[in-house]
Amino acid sequence: MTETYRIRSPETWAQARDDYLAGLDAAAVCRRYDLGLSAFRRRARRQGWRRIDQDDPAPGDLDLAIYDDVTSDDQLEMAYLRFVQALDQGKAVEAARWRRLWLEMRAEDAALDAELFPGRTRAEVAALLAAEREEDERVEDARLLAATAPITPRTAALPAPGPAEKVHDVHSTFSSAHFPPDESPPSSRAERRRLLREARRRTDAAPAVRQPGLSSKLVTL
């Protein structure tokens, strides 16, 4: 479904920008001002709406809920931008710290992607993730449009659409995640990474016990 082009006043875009830079996530801003998510993101990139440039809030005023939608990709981009910012300002020590953090996070993401997409090259993984982001934006735009569209007798009689088919369904690559039989693998890359991290932590935290009769071998519960 193609989204109807909607014209919004400069005042509306200015209010949306201010709310976004104040900490409201993009989806919430679009719901508040009836904006398309893709159009909002394009304008934010084009006009340089970056939270990184905003002053830090006063101690005690920070609402951590504003970070609920921050993905590992967002974190990686933030670390890189902080590195570039410190480098541009001539802060060598700070730049080195941000660069080290960025490289560590990038290496961790690459390792997780290797588990999520075994046997695929970096270019193939990048193509899959690009398709995933485009599909997520399309589904979100359609959801926002449906939520704000007026209900008419004609549209009310139509059957509800089925669940959106994810083009990035790669169920064959999740053998190591061990999902329950009644659950399907999560479609979100961030959610898949979170589950892998939790599985690793459980494995690392499991106590090692000796198996009866095998004094030289340890078994991890």
N, C-alpha and C. Protein backbone atom coordinates (compact mmCIF):
# COMPACT_ATOMS: atom_id res chain seq x y z
N MET A 1 0.84 -1.19 0.00
CA MET A 1 0.00 0.00 0.00
C MET A 1 0.87 1.24 0.00
N THR A 2 0.56 2.16 -0.88
CA THR A 2 1.32 3.41 -0.96
C THR A 2 0.72 4.44 -0.02
N GLU A 3 1.56 5.05 0.77
CA GLU A 3 1.08 6.04 1.73
C GLU A 3 0.71 7.33 1.02
N THR A 4 -0.46 7.88 1.40
CA THR A 4 -0.91 9.14 0.83
C THR A 4 0.01 10.27 1.27
N TYR A 5 0.40 11.09 0.31
CA TYR A 5 1.31 12.19 0.63
C TYR A 5 0.58 13.22 1.47
N ARG A 6 1.16 13.56 2.60
CA ARG A 6 0.53 14.50 3.52
C ARG A 6 1.41 15.73 3.69
N ILE A 7 0.81 16.90 3.52
CA ILE A 7 1.54 18.15 3.66
C ILE A 7 1.33 18.68 5.07
N ARG A 8 2.41 19.00 5.74
CA ARG A 8 2.33 19.55 7.08
C ARG A 8 2.98 20.93 7.10
N SER A 9 2.48 21.79 7.94
CA SER A 9 2.96 23.17 8.00
C SER A 9 4.36 23.22 8.61
N PRO A 10 5.10 24.29 8.31
CA PRO A 10 6.42 24.45 8.94
C PRO A 10 6.34 24.45 10.46
N GLU A 11 5.23 24.99 11.00
CA GLU A 11 5.08 25.00 12.46
C GLU A 11 4.98 23.59 13.02
N THR A 12 4.26 22.71 12.30
CA THR A 12 4.13 21.32 12.76
C THR A 12 5.48 20.62 12.76
N TRP A 13 6.24 20.82 11.69
CA TRP A 13 7.57 20.19 11.62
C TRP A 13 8.50 20.75 12.70
N ALA A 14 8.37 22.04 12.99
CA ALA A 14 9.21 22.64 14.04
C ALA A 14 8.88 22.04 15.40
N GLN A 15 7.58 21.84 15.68
CA GLN A 15 7.19 21.24 16.95
C GLN A 15 7.66 19.78 17.03
N ALA A 16 7.55 19.07 15.91
CA ALA A 16 8.01 17.68 15.88
C ALA A 16 9.51 17.60 16.12
N ARG A 17 10.24 18.52 15.50
CA ARG A 17 11.70 18.56 15.71
C ARG A 17 12.03 18.81 17.18
N ASP A 18 11.36 19.79 17.78
CA ASP A 18 11.65 20.13 19.18
C ASP A 18 11.36 18.95 20.11
N ASP A 19 10.24 18.26 19.87
CA ASP A 19 9.90 17.11 20.71
C ASP A 19 10.92 15.99 20.55
N TYR A 20 11.36 15.77 19.32
CA TYR A 20 12.34 14.71 19.06
C TYR A 20 13.67 15.02 19.74
N LEU A 21 14.12 16.26 19.59
CA LEU A 21 15.39 16.64 20.20
C LEU A 21 15.29 16.70 21.73
N ALA A 22 14.07 16.85 22.24
CA ALA A 22 13.88 16.86 23.69
C ALA A 22 13.88 15.46 24.29
N GLY A 23 13.83 14.43 23.40
CA GLY A 23 13.93 13.06 23.92
C GLY A 23 12.82 12.13 23.50
N LEU A 24 11.74 12.62 22.88
CA LEU A 24 10.65 11.75 22.45
C LEU A 24 11.11 10.94 21.25
N ASP A 25 10.78 9.63 21.23
CA ASP A 25 11.25 8.81 20.12
C ASP A 25 10.49 9.14 18.84
N ALA A 26 11.07 8.75 17.69
CA ALA A 26 10.54 9.14 16.39
C ALA A 26 9.11 8.65 16.18
N ALA A 27 8.82 7.40 16.57
CA ALA A 27 7.48 6.85 16.37
C ALA A 27 6.44 7.65 17.16
N ALA A 28 6.77 8.02 18.39
CA ALA A 28 5.83 8.79 19.21
C ALA A 28 5.61 10.19 18.63
N VAL A 29 6.67 10.80 18.11
CA VAL A 29 6.53 12.11 17.47
C VAL A 29 5.60 12.02 16.27
N CYS A 30 5.77 10.97 15.46
CA CYS A 30 4.94 10.82 14.27
C CYS A 30 3.48 10.59 14.64
N ARG A 31 3.24 9.83 15.70
CA ARG A 31 1.85 9.63 16.14
C ARG A 31 1.24 10.94 16.63
N ARG A 32 2.04 11.72 17.33
CA ARG A 32 1.52 12.96 17.91
C ARG A 32 1.14 13.96 16.82
N TYR A 33 1.95 14.05 15.76
CA TYR A 33 1.72 15.07 14.73
C TYR A 33 1.24 14.50 13.40
N ASP A 34 0.88 13.21 13.39
CA ASP A 34 0.36 12.57 12.18
C ASP A 34 1.34 12.71 11.02
N LEU A 35 2.57 12.24 11.25
CA LEU A 35 3.62 12.30 10.24
C LEU A 35 4.00 10.90 9.81
N GLY A 36 4.46 10.76 8.58
CA GLY A 36 5.00 9.49 8.13
C GLY A 36 6.39 9.27 8.72
N LEU A 37 6.64 8.06 9.21
CA LEU A 37 7.92 7.80 9.87
C LEU A 37 9.09 7.94 8.90
N SER A 38 8.93 7.42 7.68
CA SER A 38 10.02 7.53 6.70
C SER A 38 10.29 8.99 6.35
N ALA A 39 9.22 9.76 6.17
CA ALA A 39 9.38 11.19 5.85
C ALA A 39 10.06 11.92 7.00
N PHE A 40 9.69 11.55 8.23
CA PHE A 40 10.31 12.19 9.39
C PHE A 40 11.81 11.88 9.44
N ARG A 41 12.17 10.63 9.22
CA ARG A 41 13.58 10.25 9.27
C ARG A 41 14.37 10.92 8.15
N ARG A 42 13.78 11.01 6.97
CA ARG A 42 14.47 11.69 5.87
C ARG A 42 14.73 13.15 6.21
N ARG A 43 13.72 13.82 6.75
CA ARG A 43 13.88 15.23 7.10
C ARG A 43 14.90 15.39 8.23
N ALA A 44 14.88 14.49 9.20
CA ALA A 44 15.84 14.56 10.30
C ALA A 44 17.26 14.42 9.80
N ARG A 45 17.48 13.48 8.86
CA ARG A 45 18.82 13.32 8.29
C ARG A 45 19.22 14.54 7.47
N ARG A 46 18.27 15.04 6.67
CA ARG A 46 18.58 16.16 5.78
C ARG A 46 18.87 17.44 6.55
N GLN A 47 18.15 17.67 7.62
CA GLN A 47 18.30 18.91 8.38
C GLN A 47 19.18 18.76 9.61
N GLY A 48 19.72 17.55 9.83
CA GLY A 48 20.67 17.36 10.91
C GLY A 48 20.08 17.42 12.30
N TRP A 49 18.90 16.79 12.48
CA TRP A 49 18.31 16.74 13.82
C TRP A 49 19.01 15.63 14.60
N ARG A 50 19.97 15.98 15.41
CA ARG A 50 20.75 14.97 16.14
C ARG A 50 20.69 15.26 17.63
N ARG A 51 20.30 14.26 18.40
CA ARG A 51 20.25 14.43 19.85
C ARG A 51 21.65 14.60 20.44
N ILE A 52 22.64 14.10 19.72
CA ILE A 52 24.01 14.18 20.22
C ILE A 52 24.46 15.63 20.41
N ASP A 53 23.84 16.56 19.65
CA ASP A 53 24.24 17.96 19.72
C ASP A 53 23.55 18.72 20.86
N GLN A 54 22.61 18.07 21.55
CA GLN A 54 21.85 18.76 22.58
C GLN A 54 22.61 18.76 23.91
N ASP A 55 22.32 19.78 24.72
CA ASP A 55 22.94 19.86 26.05
C ASP A 55 22.46 18.72 26.93
N ASP A 56 23.33 18.25 27.81
CA ASP A 56 22.95 17.20 28.75
C ASP A 56 21.92 17.74 29.73
N PRO A 57 20.92 16.92 30.09
CA PRO A 57 19.91 17.38 31.05
C PRO A 57 20.50 17.52 32.45
N ALA A 58 19.82 18.27 33.28
CA ALA A 58 20.27 18.43 34.67
C ALA A 58 20.17 17.10 35.40
N PRO A 59 21.05 16.85 36.39
CA PRO A 59 21.00 15.58 37.14
C PRO A 59 19.62 15.36 37.76
N GLY A 60 19.11 14.15 37.61
CA GLY A 60 17.81 13.82 38.16
C GLY A 60 16.65 14.08 37.23
N ASP A 61 16.88 14.79 36.12
CA ASP A 61 15.79 15.11 35.19
C ASP A 61 15.68 14.10 34.05
N LEU A 62 16.60 13.17 33.95
CA LEU A 62 16.64 12.26 32.81
C LEU A 62 15.61 11.15 32.97
N ASP A 63 14.77 10.98 31.97
CA ASP A 63 13.80 9.88 31.94
C ASP A 63 14.38 8.76 31.09
N LEU A 64 14.78 7.66 31.72
CA LEU A 64 15.44 6.59 30.99
C LEU A 64 14.52 5.90 30.00
N ALA A 65 13.21 6.11 30.12
CA ALA A 65 12.28 5.48 29.19
C ALA A 65 12.47 5.98 27.76
N ILE A 66 13.09 7.13 27.59
CA ILE A 66 13.28 7.64 26.23
C ILE A 66 14.27 6.79 25.45
N TYR A 67 15.00 5.90 26.14
CA TYR A 67 15.98 5.06 25.45
C TYR A 67 15.44 3.66 25.16
N ASP A 68 14.14 3.44 25.38
CA ASP A 68 13.58 2.11 25.18
C ASP A 68 13.73 1.61 23.75
N ASP A 69 13.68 2.53 22.78
CA ASP A 69 13.72 2.11 21.38
C ASP A 69 15.12 2.21 20.78
N VAL A 70 16.14 2.42 21.62
CA VAL A 70 17.51 2.52 21.11
C VAL A 70 18.06 1.12 20.85
N THR A 71 18.42 0.85 19.61
CA THR A 71 18.92 -0.47 19.23
C THR A 71 20.44 -0.50 19.29
N SER A 72 21.00 -1.68 19.10
CA SER A 72 22.46 -1.80 19.10
C SER A 72 23.07 -1.03 17.93
N ASP A 73 22.34 -0.93 16.81
CA ASP A 73 22.84 -0.13 15.69
C ASP A 73 22.90 1.35 16.07
N ASP A 74 21.87 1.82 16.81
CA ASP A 74 21.88 3.21 17.27
C ASP A 74 23.05 3.46 18.22
N GLN A 75 23.32 2.50 19.10
CA GLN A 75 24.43 2.64 20.04
C GLN A 75 25.76 2.71 19.29
N LEU A 76 25.89 1.87 18.27
CA LEU A 76 27.13 1.85 17.50
C LEU A 76 27.33 3.18 16.77
N GLU A 77 26.25 3.70 16.19
CA GLU A 77 26.34 4.98 15.50
C GLU A 77 26.68 6.11 16.47
N MET A 78 26.08 6.07 17.66
CA MET A 78 26.35 7.09 18.67
C MET A 78 27.82 7.10 19.07
N ALA A 79 28.39 5.90 19.30
CA ALA A 79 29.80 5.82 19.69
C ALA A 79 30.69 6.38 18.58
N TYR A 80 30.34 6.07 17.32
CA TYR A 80 31.15 6.57 16.21
C TYR A 80 31.06 8.10 16.11
N LEU A 81 29.84 8.63 16.25
CA LEU A 81 29.67 10.08 16.15
C LEU A 81 30.38 10.80 17.29
N ARG A 82 30.36 10.21 18.49
CA ARG A 82 31.10 10.81 19.60
C ARG A 82 32.61 10.81 19.32
N PHE A 83 33.09 9.74 18.72
CA PHE A 83 34.50 9.67 18.34
C PHE A 83 34.84 10.77 17.35
N VAL A 84 34.02 10.93 16.33
CA VAL A 84 34.27 11.96 15.32
C VAL A 84 34.18 13.35 15.93
N GLN A 85 33.20 13.55 16.82
CA GLN A 85 33.04 14.85 17.46
C GLN A 85 34.26 15.21 18.30
N ALA A 86 34.74 14.25 19.11
CA ALA A 86 35.91 14.50 19.94
C ALA A 86 37.14 14.75 19.09
N LEU A 87 37.25 14.02 17.99
CA LEU A 87 38.38 14.20 17.08
C LEU A 87 38.35 15.59 16.46
N ASP A 88 37.16 16.03 16.06
CA ASP A 88 37.02 17.34 15.44
C ASP A 88 37.33 18.46 16.43
N GLN A 89 37.06 18.23 17.71
CA GLN A 89 37.31 19.24 18.74
C GLN A 89 38.72 19.18 19.30
N GLY A 90 39.54 18.29 18.75
CA GLY A 90 40.92 18.20 19.20
C GLY A 90 41.11 17.52 20.54
N LYS A 91 40.12 16.75 20.99
CA LYS A 91 40.21 16.04 22.27
C LYS A 91 40.73 14.63 22.01
N ALA A 92 42.04 14.50 21.95
CA ALA A 92 42.66 13.24 21.54
C ALA A 92 42.34 12.08 22.48
N VAL A 93 42.44 12.32 23.79
CA VAL A 93 42.19 11.25 24.76
C VAL A 93 40.74 10.78 24.69
N GLU A 94 39.82 11.73 24.66
CA GLU A 94 38.40 11.38 24.57
C GLU A 94 38.10 10.67 23.26
N ALA A 95 38.71 11.15 22.16
CA ALA A 95 38.50 10.51 20.87
C ALA A 95 39.00 9.07 20.88
N ALA A 96 40.15 8.84 21.52
CA ALA A 96 40.69 7.47 21.60
C ALA A 96 39.75 6.56 22.37
N ARG A 97 39.15 7.07 23.44
CA ARG A 97 38.22 6.26 24.23
C ARG A 97 36.98 5.89 23.43
N TRP A 98 36.42 6.88 22.75
CA TRP A 98 35.22 6.61 21.96
C TRP A 98 35.54 5.67 20.80
N ARG A 99 36.71 5.83 20.20
CA ARG A 99 37.08 4.93 19.10
C ARG A 99 37.24 3.50 19.60
N ARG A 100 37.84 3.34 20.77
CA ARG A 100 38.01 2.00 21.33
C ARG A 100 36.65 1.36 21.63
N LEU A 101 35.75 2.14 22.21
CA LEU A 101 34.41 1.63 22.49
C LEU A 101 33.69 1.26 21.20
N TRP A 102 33.80 2.13 20.19
CA TRP A 102 33.15 1.88 18.91
C TRP A 102 33.67 0.58 18.29
N LEU A 103 34.98 0.37 18.29
CA LEU A 103 35.56 -0.84 17.71
C LEU A 103 35.12 -2.09 18.48
N GLU A 104 35.06 -1.99 19.81
CA GLU A 104 34.62 -3.13 20.61
C GLU A 104 33.16 -3.49 20.31
N MET A 105 32.31 -2.47 20.22
CA MET A 105 30.90 -2.71 19.92
C MET A 105 30.72 -3.26 18.51
N ARG A 106 31.50 -2.75 17.56
CA ARG A 106 31.41 -3.24 16.19
C ARG A 106 31.84 -4.70 16.10
N ALA A 107 32.91 -5.06 16.83
CA ALA A 107 33.37 -6.45 16.83
C ALA A 107 32.32 -7.37 17.45
N GLU A 108 31.68 -6.91 18.52
CA GLU A 108 30.63 -7.72 19.16
C GLU A 108 29.45 -7.92 18.22
N ASP A 109 29.05 -6.84 17.53
CA ASP A 109 27.94 -6.96 16.58
C ASP A 109 28.30 -7.90 15.44
N ALA A 110 29.53 -7.83 14.96
CA ALA A 110 29.96 -8.71 13.87
C ALA A 110 29.92 -10.17 14.31
N ALA A 111 30.33 -10.43 15.56
CA ALA A 111 30.30 -11.81 16.08
C ALA A 111 28.87 -12.32 16.20
N LEU A 112 27.97 -11.46 16.67
CA LEU A 112 26.57 -11.86 16.79
C LEU A 112 25.95 -12.09 15.42
N ASP A 113 26.28 -11.22 14.46
CA ASP A 113 25.76 -11.41 13.10
C ASP A 113 26.27 -12.72 12.50
N ALA A 114 27.50 -13.09 12.82
CA ALA A 114 28.03 -14.36 12.32
C ALA A 114 27.24 -15.54 12.86
N GLU A 115 26.74 -15.42 14.10
CA GLU A 115 25.90 -16.47 14.68
C GLU A 115 24.50 -16.45 14.08
N LEU A 116 23.97 -15.25 13.87
CA LEU A 116 22.62 -15.13 13.34
C LEU A 116 22.54 -15.51 11.87
N PHE A 117 23.60 -15.25 11.11
CA PHE A 117 23.61 -15.50 9.67
C PHE A 117 24.82 -16.36 9.30
N PRO A 118 24.90 -17.59 9.77
CA PRO A 118 26.08 -18.42 9.48
C PRO A 118 26.22 -18.69 7.99
N GLY A 119 27.46 -18.66 7.53
CA GLY A 119 27.74 -18.97 6.14
C GLY A 119 27.53 -17.82 5.18
N ARG A 120 27.13 -16.65 5.67
CA ARG A 120 26.89 -15.51 4.80
C ARG A 120 28.05 -14.52 4.90
N THR A 121 28.33 -13.87 3.79
CA THR A 121 29.38 -12.87 3.77
C THR A 121 28.86 -11.57 4.40
N ARG A 122 29.79 -10.65 4.69
CA ARG A 122 29.39 -9.37 5.28
C ARG A 122 28.49 -8.60 4.32
N ALA A 123 28.76 -8.71 3.02
CA ALA A 123 27.92 -8.01 2.04
C ALA A 123 26.50 -8.59 2.03
N GLU A 124 26.38 -9.91 2.15
CA GLU A 124 25.06 -10.54 2.18
C GLU A 124 24.30 -10.15 3.44
N VAL A 125 25.00 -10.12 4.56
CA VAL A 125 24.36 -9.71 5.82
C VAL A 125 23.90 -8.26 5.72
N ALA A 126 24.74 -7.40 5.16
CA ALA A 126 24.38 -5.99 5.01
C ALA A 126 23.13 -5.83 4.14
N ALA A 127 23.05 -6.63 3.06
CA ALA A 127 21.87 -6.57 2.18
C ALA A 127 20.62 -7.03 2.91
N LEU A 128 20.74 -8.09 3.70
CA LEU A 128 19.60 -8.58 4.47
C LEU A 128 19.12 -7.54 5.47
N LEU A 129 20.06 -6.92 6.16
CA LEU A 129 19.69 -5.93 7.17
C LEU A 129 19.09 -4.67 6.54
N ALA A 130 19.60 -4.29 5.35
CA ALA A 130 19.03 -3.13 4.66
C ALA A 130 17.58 -3.41 4.27
N ALA A 131 17.32 -4.64 3.77
CA ALA A 131 15.95 -5.02 3.43
C ALA A 131 15.07 -5.05 4.68
N GLU A 132 15.65 -5.49 5.79
CA GLU A 132 14.91 -5.53 7.05
C GLU A 132 14.51 -4.14 7.50
N ARG A 133 15.44 -3.20 7.42
CA ARG A 133 15.13 -1.83 7.84
C ARG A 133 14.05 -1.21 6.95
N GLU A 134 14.16 -1.44 5.64
CA GLU A 134 13.17 -0.89 4.72
C GLU A 134 11.78 -1.47 5.00
N GLU A 135 11.74 -2.78 5.25
CA GLU A 135 10.46 -3.42 5.53
C GLU A 135 9.88 -2.94 6.85
N ASP A 136 10.73 -2.78 7.86
CA ASP A 136 10.25 -2.27 9.15
C ASP A 136 9.67 -0.87 9.00
N GLU A 137 10.33 -0.02 8.21
CA GLU A 137 9.82 1.34 7.99
C GLU A 137 8.49 1.29 7.25
N ARG A 138 8.39 0.40 6.25
CA ARG A 138 7.14 0.31 5.48
C ARG A 138 5.99 -0.15 6.37
N VAL A 139 6.24 -1.16 7.19
CA VAL A 139 5.20 -1.67 8.08
C VAL A 139 4.80 -0.61 9.10
N GLU A 140 5.78 0.11 9.65
CA GLU A 140 5.49 1.14 10.64
C GLU A 140 4.71 2.29 10.02
N ASP A 141 5.08 2.69 8.79
CA ASP A 141 4.34 3.75 8.11
C ASP A 141 2.90 3.33 7.85
N ALA A 142 2.71 2.06 7.43
CA ALA A 142 1.36 1.56 7.18
C ALA A 142 0.55 1.53 8.47
N ARG A 143 1.20 1.15 9.58
CA ARG A 143 0.51 1.11 10.87
C ARG A 143 0.08 2.50 11.31
N LEU A 144 0.98 3.48 11.15
CA LEU A 144 0.65 4.85 11.53
C LEU A 144 -0.48 5.40 10.67
N LEU A 145 -0.44 5.07 9.37
CA LEU A 145 -1.49 5.54 8.47
C LEU A 145 -2.82 4.92 8.85
N ALA A 146 -2.82 3.63 9.16
CA ALA A 146 -4.06 2.96 9.54
C ALA A 146 -4.61 3.50 10.85
N ALA A 147 -3.71 3.88 11.77
CA ALA A 147 -4.15 4.38 13.07
C ALA A 147 -4.78 5.76 12.98
N THR A 148 -4.38 6.53 11.97
CA THR A 148 -4.88 7.91 11.86
C THR A 148 -5.95 8.06 10.79
N ALA A 149 -6.17 7.04 9.95
CA ALA A 149 -7.15 7.14 8.88
C ALA A 149 -8.56 7.06 9.45
N PRO A 150 -9.49 7.93 8.99
CA PRO A 150 -10.87 7.85 9.48
C PRO A 150 -11.54 6.57 8.99
N ILE A 151 -12.39 5.99 9.83
CA ILE A 151 -13.08 4.75 9.47
C ILE A 151 -14.39 5.11 8.78
N THR A 152 -14.58 4.63 7.55
CA THR A 152 -15.81 4.84 6.80
C THR A 152 -16.57 3.52 6.74
N PRO A 153 -17.87 3.56 6.44
CA PRO A 153 -18.62 2.30 6.34
C PRO A 153 -18.00 1.32 5.37
N ARG A 154 -17.43 1.83 4.28
CA ARG A 154 -16.85 0.93 3.28
C ARG A 154 -15.61 0.25 3.82
N THR A 155 -14.72 1.03 4.45
CA THR A 155 -13.49 0.43 4.95
C THR A 155 -13.75 -0.42 6.18
N ALA A 156 -14.80 -0.07 6.95
CA ALA A 156 -15.09 -0.84 8.15
C ALA A 156 -15.55 -2.24 7.80
N ALA A 157 -16.16 -2.42 6.61
CA ALA A 157 -16.66 -3.73 6.21
C ALA A 157 -15.58 -4.63 5.67
N LEU A 158 -14.44 -4.08 5.36
CA LEU A 158 -13.36 -4.89 4.80
C LEU A 158 -12.76 -5.77 5.87
N PRO A 159 -12.32 -6.98 5.50
CA PRO A 159 -11.68 -7.86 6.49
C PRO A 159 -10.36 -7.28 6.95
N ALA A 160 -10.02 -7.58 8.18
CA ALA A 160 -8.75 -7.08 8.73
C ALA A 160 -7.59 -7.71 7.99
N PRO A 161 -6.55 -6.93 7.67
CA PRO A 161 -5.40 -7.50 6.96
C PRO A 161 -4.67 -8.49 7.84
N GLY A 162 -4.06 -9.47 7.21
CA GLY A 162 -3.27 -10.46 7.94
C GLY A 162 -1.97 -9.87 8.39
N PRO A 163 -1.23 -10.62 9.18
CA PRO A 163 0.08 -10.11 9.65
C PRO A 163 1.02 -9.88 8.49
N ALA A 164 1.79 -8.79 8.58
CA ALA A 164 2.73 -8.45 7.51
C ALA A 164 3.80 -9.51 7.39
N GLU A 165 4.07 -9.91 6.16
CA GLU A 165 5.11 -10.91 5.94
C GLU A 165 6.46 -10.23 5.92
N LYS A 166 7.36 -10.70 6.74
CA LYS A 166 8.69 -10.11 6.84
C LYS A 166 9.58 -10.67 5.74
N VAL A 167 10.15 -9.79 4.94
CA VAL A 167 10.99 -10.25 3.84
C VAL A 167 12.31 -10.78 4.32
N HIS A 168 12.64 -10.51 5.59
CA HIS A 168 13.93 -10.94 6.08
C HIS A 168 13.81 -12.18 6.95
N ASP A 169 12.79 -13.03 6.66
CA ASP A 169 12.63 -14.25 7.43
C ASP A 169 13.78 -15.18 7.13
N VAL A 170 14.63 -15.41 8.11
CA VAL A 170 15.79 -16.27 7.92
C VAL A 170 15.78 -17.34 9.00
N HIS A 171 14.63 -18.08 9.07
CA HIS A 171 14.45 -19.02 10.17
C HIS A 171 15.49 -20.12 10.18
N SER A 172 16.09 -20.43 9.03
CA SER A 172 17.06 -21.51 8.99
C SER A 172 18.36 -21.16 9.69
N THR A 173 18.54 -19.91 10.06
CA THR A 173 19.81 -19.50 10.66
C THR A 173 19.75 -19.39 12.17
N PHE A 174 18.67 -19.90 12.78
CA PHE A 174 18.51 -19.71 14.21
C PHE A 174 18.65 -21.01 14.99
N SER A 175 19.45 -21.93 14.51
CA SER A 175 19.58 -23.21 15.18
C SER A 175 20.20 -23.07 16.56
N SER A 176 21.01 -22.04 16.77
CA SER A 176 21.68 -21.88 18.05
C SER A 176 20.86 -21.13 19.08
N ALA A 177 19.71 -20.58 18.69
CA ALA A 177 18.92 -19.78 19.62
C ALA A 177 18.03 -20.63 20.51
N HIS A 178 17.63 -21.87 20.06
CA HIS A 178 16.83 -22.80 20.84
C HIS A 178 15.51 -22.18 21.28
N PHE A 179 14.66 -21.83 20.32
CA PHE A 179 13.37 -21.27 20.65
C PHE A 179 12.40 -22.40 21.00
N PRO A 180 11.46 -22.17 21.94
CA PRO A 180 10.48 -23.19 22.27
C PRO A 180 9.68 -23.58 21.04
N PRO A 181 9.10 -24.83 21.02
CA PRO A 181 8.37 -25.30 19.83
C PRO A 181 7.21 -24.42 19.46
N ASP A 182 6.56 -23.78 20.44
CA ASP A 182 5.38 -22.98 20.15
C ASP A 182 5.71 -21.53 19.87
N GLU A 183 6.98 -21.19 19.76
CA GLU A 183 7.38 -19.81 19.49
C GLU A 183 8.18 -19.74 18.21
N SER A 184 7.94 -18.68 17.43
CA SER A 184 8.72 -18.48 16.22
C SER A 184 9.89 -17.56 16.53
N PRO A 185 10.98 -17.63 15.77
CA PRO A 185 12.13 -16.76 16.01
C PRO A 185 11.73 -15.30 15.90
N PRO A 186 12.25 -14.43 16.76
CA PRO A 186 11.91 -13.01 16.67
C PRO A 186 12.42 -12.42 15.37
N SER A 187 11.59 -11.55 14.76
CA SER A 187 11.98 -10.98 13.48
C SER A 187 12.92 -9.80 13.63
N SER A 188 12.94 -9.18 14.81
CA SER A 188 13.79 -8.02 15.01
C SER A 188 15.24 -8.45 15.23
N ARG A 189 16.14 -7.82 14.50
CA ARG A 189 17.56 -8.14 14.67
C ARG A 189 18.02 -7.80 16.09
N ALA A 190 17.54 -6.67 16.61
CA ALA A 190 17.92 -6.29 17.97
C ALA A 190 17.42 -7.32 18.98
N GLU A 191 16.19 -7.84 18.78
CA GLU A 191 15.66 -8.84 19.69
C GLU A 191 16.45 -10.14 19.59
N ARG A 192 16.85 -10.52 18.38
CA ARG A 192 17.65 -11.74 18.22
C ARG A 192 18.99 -11.58 18.93
N ARG A 193 19.59 -10.42 18.80
CA ARG A 193 20.86 -10.19 19.49
C ARG A 193 20.69 -10.24 21.00
N ARG A 194 19.58 -9.68 21.49
CA ARG A 194 19.35 -9.70 22.93
C ARG A 194 19.23 -11.12 23.44
N LEU A 195 18.51 -11.97 22.71
CA LEU A 195 18.34 -13.36 23.14
C LEU A 195 19.67 -14.10 23.12
N LEU A 196 20.49 -13.82 22.12
CA LEU A 196 21.80 -14.47 22.07
C LEU A 196 22.67 -14.05 23.25
N ARG A 197 22.64 -12.75 23.57
CA ARG A 197 23.43 -12.28 24.71
C ARG A 197 22.96 -12.94 26.01
N GLU A 198 21.63 -13.06 26.19
CA GLU A 198 21.12 -13.69 27.40
C GLU A 198 21.52 -15.16 27.47
N ALA A 199 21.48 -15.85 26.32
CA ALA A 199 21.88 -17.25 26.30
C ALA A 199 23.35 -17.40 26.67
N ARG A 200 24.18 -16.47 26.17
CA ARG A 200 25.60 -16.52 26.51
C ARG A 200 25.83 -16.28 27.99
N ARG A 201 25.09 -15.32 28.56
CA ARG A 201 25.26 -15.03 29.99
C ARG A 201 24.85 -16.22 30.84
N ARG A 202 23.76 -16.90 30.45
CA ARG A 202 23.33 -18.07 31.21
C ARG A 202 24.37 -19.18 31.14
N THR A 203 24.96 -19.35 29.96
CA THR A 203 25.98 -20.39 29.80
C THR A 203 27.22 -20.06 30.62
N ASP A 204 27.63 -18.79 30.60
CA ASP A 204 28.82 -18.39 31.36
C ASP A 204 28.60 -18.51 32.87
N ALA A 205 27.34 -18.27 33.31
CA ALA A 205 27.05 -18.28 34.74
C ALA A 205 26.76 -19.68 35.27
N ALA A 206 26.57 -20.66 34.40
CA ALA A 206 26.22 -22.01 34.85
C ALA A 206 27.40 -22.63 35.57
N PRO A 207 27.16 -23.28 36.75
CA PRO A 207 28.26 -23.91 37.49
C PRO A 207 28.76 -25.16 36.79
N ALA A 208 30.04 -25.43 36.92
CA ALA A 208 30.63 -26.64 36.35
C ALA A 208 30.66 -27.72 37.42
N VAL A 209 30.14 -28.93 37.12
CA VAL A 209 30.11 -30.04 38.07
C VAL A 209 30.79 -31.23 37.46
N ARG A 210 31.27 -32.09 38.31
CA ARG A 210 31.93 -33.30 37.84
C ARG A 210 30.88 -34.38 37.60
N GLN A 211 30.99 -35.03 36.47
CA GLN A 211 30.08 -36.12 36.13
C GLN A 211 30.57 -37.39 36.81
N PRO A 212 29.70 -38.16 37.47
CA PRO A 212 30.13 -39.37 38.15
C PRO A 212 30.88 -40.31 37.21
N GLY A 213 32.01 -40.81 37.68
CA GLY A 213 32.78 -41.75 36.89
C GLY A 213 33.73 -41.13 35.91
N LEU A 214 33.63 -39.79 35.73
CA LEU A 214 34.50 -39.10 34.78
C LEU A 214 35.22 -37.99 35.53
N SER A 215 36.21 -38.37 36.31
CA SER A 215 36.88 -37.40 37.17
C SER A 215 37.67 -36.36 36.40
N SER A 216 38.02 -36.67 35.17
CA SER A 216 38.85 -35.74 34.41
C SER A 216 38.05 -34.79 33.54
N LYS A 217 36.70 -34.93 33.52
CA LYS A 217 35.88 -34.11 32.64
C LYS A 217 34.89 -33.30 33.46
N LEU A 218 34.66 -32.10 33.03
CA LEU A 218 33.69 -31.22 33.67
C LEU A 218 32.50 -31.07 32.76
N VAL A 219 31.32 -30.99 33.34
CA VAL A 219 30.10 -30.82 32.57
C VAL A 219 29.46 -29.52 33.01
N THR A 220 29.12 -28.67 32.05
CA THR A 220 28.47 -27.39 32.34
C THR A 220 26.97 -27.56 32.30
N LEU A 221 26.31 -27.20 33.40
CA LEU A 221 24.85 -27.30 33.44
C LEU A 221 24.24 -26.25 32.56
